[in-house]
Structure formats: C-alpha cells, structure tokens
Amino acid sequence: MNDEYQHTIERSYIARVARELQDPNSPTKYLVHVRNRDTLTEVADWINLELMARPGPGPNLTPAVQGLASRGILKVSSYLPLLDLPEKAILDPKDLSQFTFCDMIRVRPYCLVTNPGVFQEQIKTSKSMGWNCVHPSNERDYGHEH
C-alpha cells in the first residue's frame, strides 16, 4: 500500500458511511467500493491526482473511477446520477445497510471503502437465500452446497 494514505485508513460501519450520501451538506457524494484492500491506497492516489488536475469541481466521476468500475475493480454508490457507469458497477446505497464494517479512505467528494461481499453479489442474493453476510465463514462457503 502507498504510505501517503496508509495512515488515513479508518474503520467504520458501511451503513454510517452510506448515510452521509443522503445529507445534502455532506462533502461525500460517492462511495467507491474497492475490490481489494491492498489496492485501496493506490486507488486513492489515482483519484487524488485526477482531482488535483481538474481546474475546478466537476459533477462527473473521474476517468480513473469510470475506468476501474468498467473493468470490475470497483463499484460506486451515490444518490447522484451515475450515467457513465455500467449497471453492474452501481450499488444502491439503500442496500448497503446489511453490511457491517468497512475500511475507508476519504478523498472528497469520494469515500473509498472495502468490505467483504460487495463483489460477490451478496446484496442481491443474501435476502433470498437467508445468507448472513456478516458471518465470515459464510463467505468461504458462498455458492457451494454441502
């Protein structure tokens, strides 16, 4: 991980971070779900560099976020329109309350987060299968019958 952001990683509840998106006064407008915790700081660097290169605040996602989301490396949650992303890269913030802890880095207007399950389509299937995505042993057995 990059040392610049290593010390800024915080631990929080994903639902708490997702609620920030509902507050119009919050500087956080997007949750960026990073697939791998080991790349969390690297993605933060990419986004930060792109934000610094912008002449002013932009309403759209940075090219790095768009590209990484299109490649399946990250997903995005927001109450703002996400027209530049494929549907599979968008997570409804209302569906995130079922998840427990996340590691996060704030790069305003983004909050980068990692948490188990986001990339295993647990949001869509956990309720119908009675699957408890909080219990870590379920992640190991997901999708396999015993």
Protein backbone atom coordinates (compact mmCIF):
# COMPACT_ATOMS: atom_id res chain seq x y z
CA MET A 1 0.00 0.00 0.00
CA ASN A 2 1.03 3.57 -0.56
CA ASP A 3 2.44 5.18 2.56
CA GLU A 4 0.75 8.54 1.90
CA TYR A 5 -2.75 7.14 2.50
CA GLN A 6 -1.84 4.22 4.77
CA HIS A 7 -2.25 6.33 7.91
CA THR A 8 -5.62 7.70 6.74
CA ILE A 9 -7.42 4.34 6.62
CA GLU A 10 -10.30 4.39 9.08
CA ARG A 11 -12.62 1.62 10.24
CA SER A 12 -16.35 2.32 10.24
CA TYR A 13 -19.76 0.81 9.66
CA ILE A 14 -20.71 0.78 5.99
CA ALA A 15 -24.25 1.93 6.82
CA ARG A 16 -22.90 5.00 8.63
CA VAL A 17 -20.78 5.97 5.65
CA ALA A 18 -23.67 5.32 3.23
CA ARG A 19 -25.94 7.63 5.26
CA GLU A 20 -23.55 10.50 4.55
CA LEU A 21 -24.66 10.33 0.91
CA GLN A 22 -28.18 11.35 1.93
CA ASP A 23 -27.03 14.54 3.66
CA PRO A 24 -27.00 17.40 1.12
CA ASN A 25 -24.42 19.22 3.27
CA SER A 26 -22.03 16.28 3.35
CA PRO A 27 -18.87 16.63 1.26
CA THR A 28 -19.11 12.89 0.49
CA LYS A 29 -21.08 12.36 -2.73
CA TYR A 30 -19.79 8.94 -3.84
CA LEU A 31 -18.87 5.70 -2.11
CA VAL A 32 -16.26 3.89 -4.15
CA HIS A 33 -16.16 0.20 -3.25
CA VAL A 34 -12.65 -1.10 -3.98
CA ARG A 35 -12.39 -4.83 -4.67
CA ASN A 36 -9.12 -5.43 -2.85
CA ARG A 37 -8.00 -3.75 0.38
CA ASP A 38 -4.39 -3.98 -0.82
CA THR A 39 -5.18 -1.53 -3.63
CA LEU A 40 -7.24 0.89 -1.54
CA THR A 41 -4.43 3.42 -1.15
CA GLU A 42 -3.37 3.09 -4.79
CA VAL A 43 -6.90 3.89 -5.98
CA ALA A 44 -6.97 6.84 -3.55
CA ASP A 45 -3.75 8.13 -5.16
CA TRP A 46 -5.18 7.85 -8.69
CA ILE A 47 -8.34 9.70 -7.72
CA ASN A 48 -6.45 12.37 -5.80
CA LEU A 49 -4.14 13.04 -8.76
CA GLU A 50 -7.09 13.39 -11.12
CA LEU A 51 -8.93 15.69 -8.72
CA MET A 52 -5.85 17.89 -8.36
CA ALA A 53 -5.50 18.11 -12.15
CA ARG A 54 -9.08 19.36 -12.59
CA PRO A 55 -9.50 23.09 -13.00
CA GLY A 56 -12.48 23.05 -10.63
CA PRO A 57 -15.03 20.74 -9.10
CA GLY A 58 -16.69 18.55 -11.67
CA PRO A 59 -20.07 16.88 -11.48
CA ASN A 60 -18.85 13.68 -13.12
CA LEU A 61 -16.78 10.80 -11.88
CA THR A 62 -13.06 10.96 -12.57
CA PRO A 63 -11.76 8.91 -15.52
CA ALA A 64 -9.97 6.58 -13.07
CA VAL A 65 -13.23 5.77 -11.28
CA GLN A 66 -15.05 5.23 -14.57
CA GLY A 67 -12.29 3.02 -15.98
CA LEU A 68 -11.80 0.91 -12.86
CA ALA A 69 -15.56 0.46 -12.46
CA SER A 70 -15.91 -0.64 -16.07
CA ARG A 71 -13.14 -3.22 -15.50
CA GLY A 72 -14.84 -4.58 -12.34
CA ILE A 73 -12.15 -3.37 -9.94
CA LEU A 74 -14.53 -1.09 -8.10
CA LYS A 75 -18.23 -0.24 -7.74
CA VAL A 76 -19.90 3.06 -6.91
CA SER A 77 -22.82 4.09 -4.70
CA SER A 78 -24.39 7.52 -4.85
CA TYR A 79 -27.71 9.34 -4.88
CA LEU A 80 -26.37 11.39 -7.78
CA PRO A 81 -26.84 10.08 -11.35
CA LEU A 82 -24.17 7.56 -12.38
CA LEU A 83 -24.81 7.65 -16.10
CA ASP A 84 -21.21 6.90 -17.12
CA LEU A 85 -21.09 3.51 -15.39
CA PRO A 86 -22.27 0.06 -16.41
CA GLU A 87 -25.18 -1.21 -14.29
CA LYS A 88 -23.03 -3.96 -12.74
CA ALA A 89 -20.73 -1.27 -11.30
CA ILE A 90 -23.50 0.56 -9.42
CA LEU A 91 -24.67 -0.33 -5.91
CA ASP A 92 -27.78 1.29 -4.45
CA PRO A 93 -26.77 3.00 -1.19
CA LYS A 94 -30.04 1.82 0.42
CA ASP A 95 -28.90 -1.78 0.05
CA LEU A 96 -25.65 -1.29 1.96
CA SER A 97 -27.10 -1.23 5.47
CA GLN A 98 -26.81 -5.02 5.72
CA PHE A 99 -23.00 -4.90 5.70
CA THR A 100 -21.02 -4.42 8.86
CA PHE A 101 -17.53 -2.98 8.95
CA CYS A 102 -15.52 -1.35 6.21
CA ASP A 103 -12.08 0.17 5.86
CA MET A 104 -12.20 3.60 4.28
CA ILE A 105 -10.16 6.48 2.94
CA ARG A 106 -11.73 9.87 2.31
CA VAL A 107 -10.74 11.69 -0.88
CA ARG A 108 -13.53 14.27 -1.15
CA PRO A 109 -16.04 14.02 -2.77
CA TYR A 110 -15.28 10.29 -2.64
CA CYS A 111 -15.13 7.89 0.24
CA LEU A 112 -13.26 4.75 -0.79
CA VAL A 113 -14.35 1.65 1.10
CA THR A 114 -13.63 -2.05 1.21
CA ASN A 115 -15.88 -4.63 2.81
CA PRO A 116 -16.40 -8.34 2.21
CA GLY A 117 -19.19 -9.36 -0.07
CA VAL A 118 -19.75 -6.35 -2.31
CA PHE A 119 -18.12 -8.09 -5.26
CA GLN A 120 -19.88 -11.40 -4.68
CA GLU A 121 -23.37 -10.06 -5.41
CA GLN A 122 -24.44 -10.63 -1.81
CA ILE A 123 -26.69 -7.60 -1.94
CA LYS A 124 -28.99 -9.29 -4.48
CA THR A 125 -28.88 -12.84 -3.17
CA SER A 126 -28.39 -12.69 0.59
CA LYS A 127 -32.02 -11.99 1.48
CA SER A 128 -33.48 -14.63 -0.81
CA MET A 129 -31.02 -17.31 0.33
CA GLY A 130 -31.19 -16.49 4.04
CA TRP A 131 -27.48 -15.85 3.89
CA ASN A 132 -25.84 -13.95 6.75
CA CYS A 133 -23.19 -11.81 5.10
CA VAL A 134 -21.89 -10.64 8.48
CA HIS A 135 -20.61 -14.09 9.45
CA PRO A 136 -17.17 -14.64 7.86
CA SER A 137 -17.49 -18.40 7.49
CA ASN A 138 -20.40 -17.88 5.08
CA GLU A 139 -18.13 -16.01 2.67
CA ARG A 140 -15.92 -19.07 2.36
CA ASP A 141 -18.87 -21.33 1.52
CA TYR A 142 -20.83 -18.93 -0.67
CA GLY A 143 -22.23 -20.60 -3.74
CA HIS A 144 -21.36 -24.14 -2.69
CA GLU A 145 -23.79 -26.75 -1.45
CA HIS A 146 -22.78 -29.16 1.28
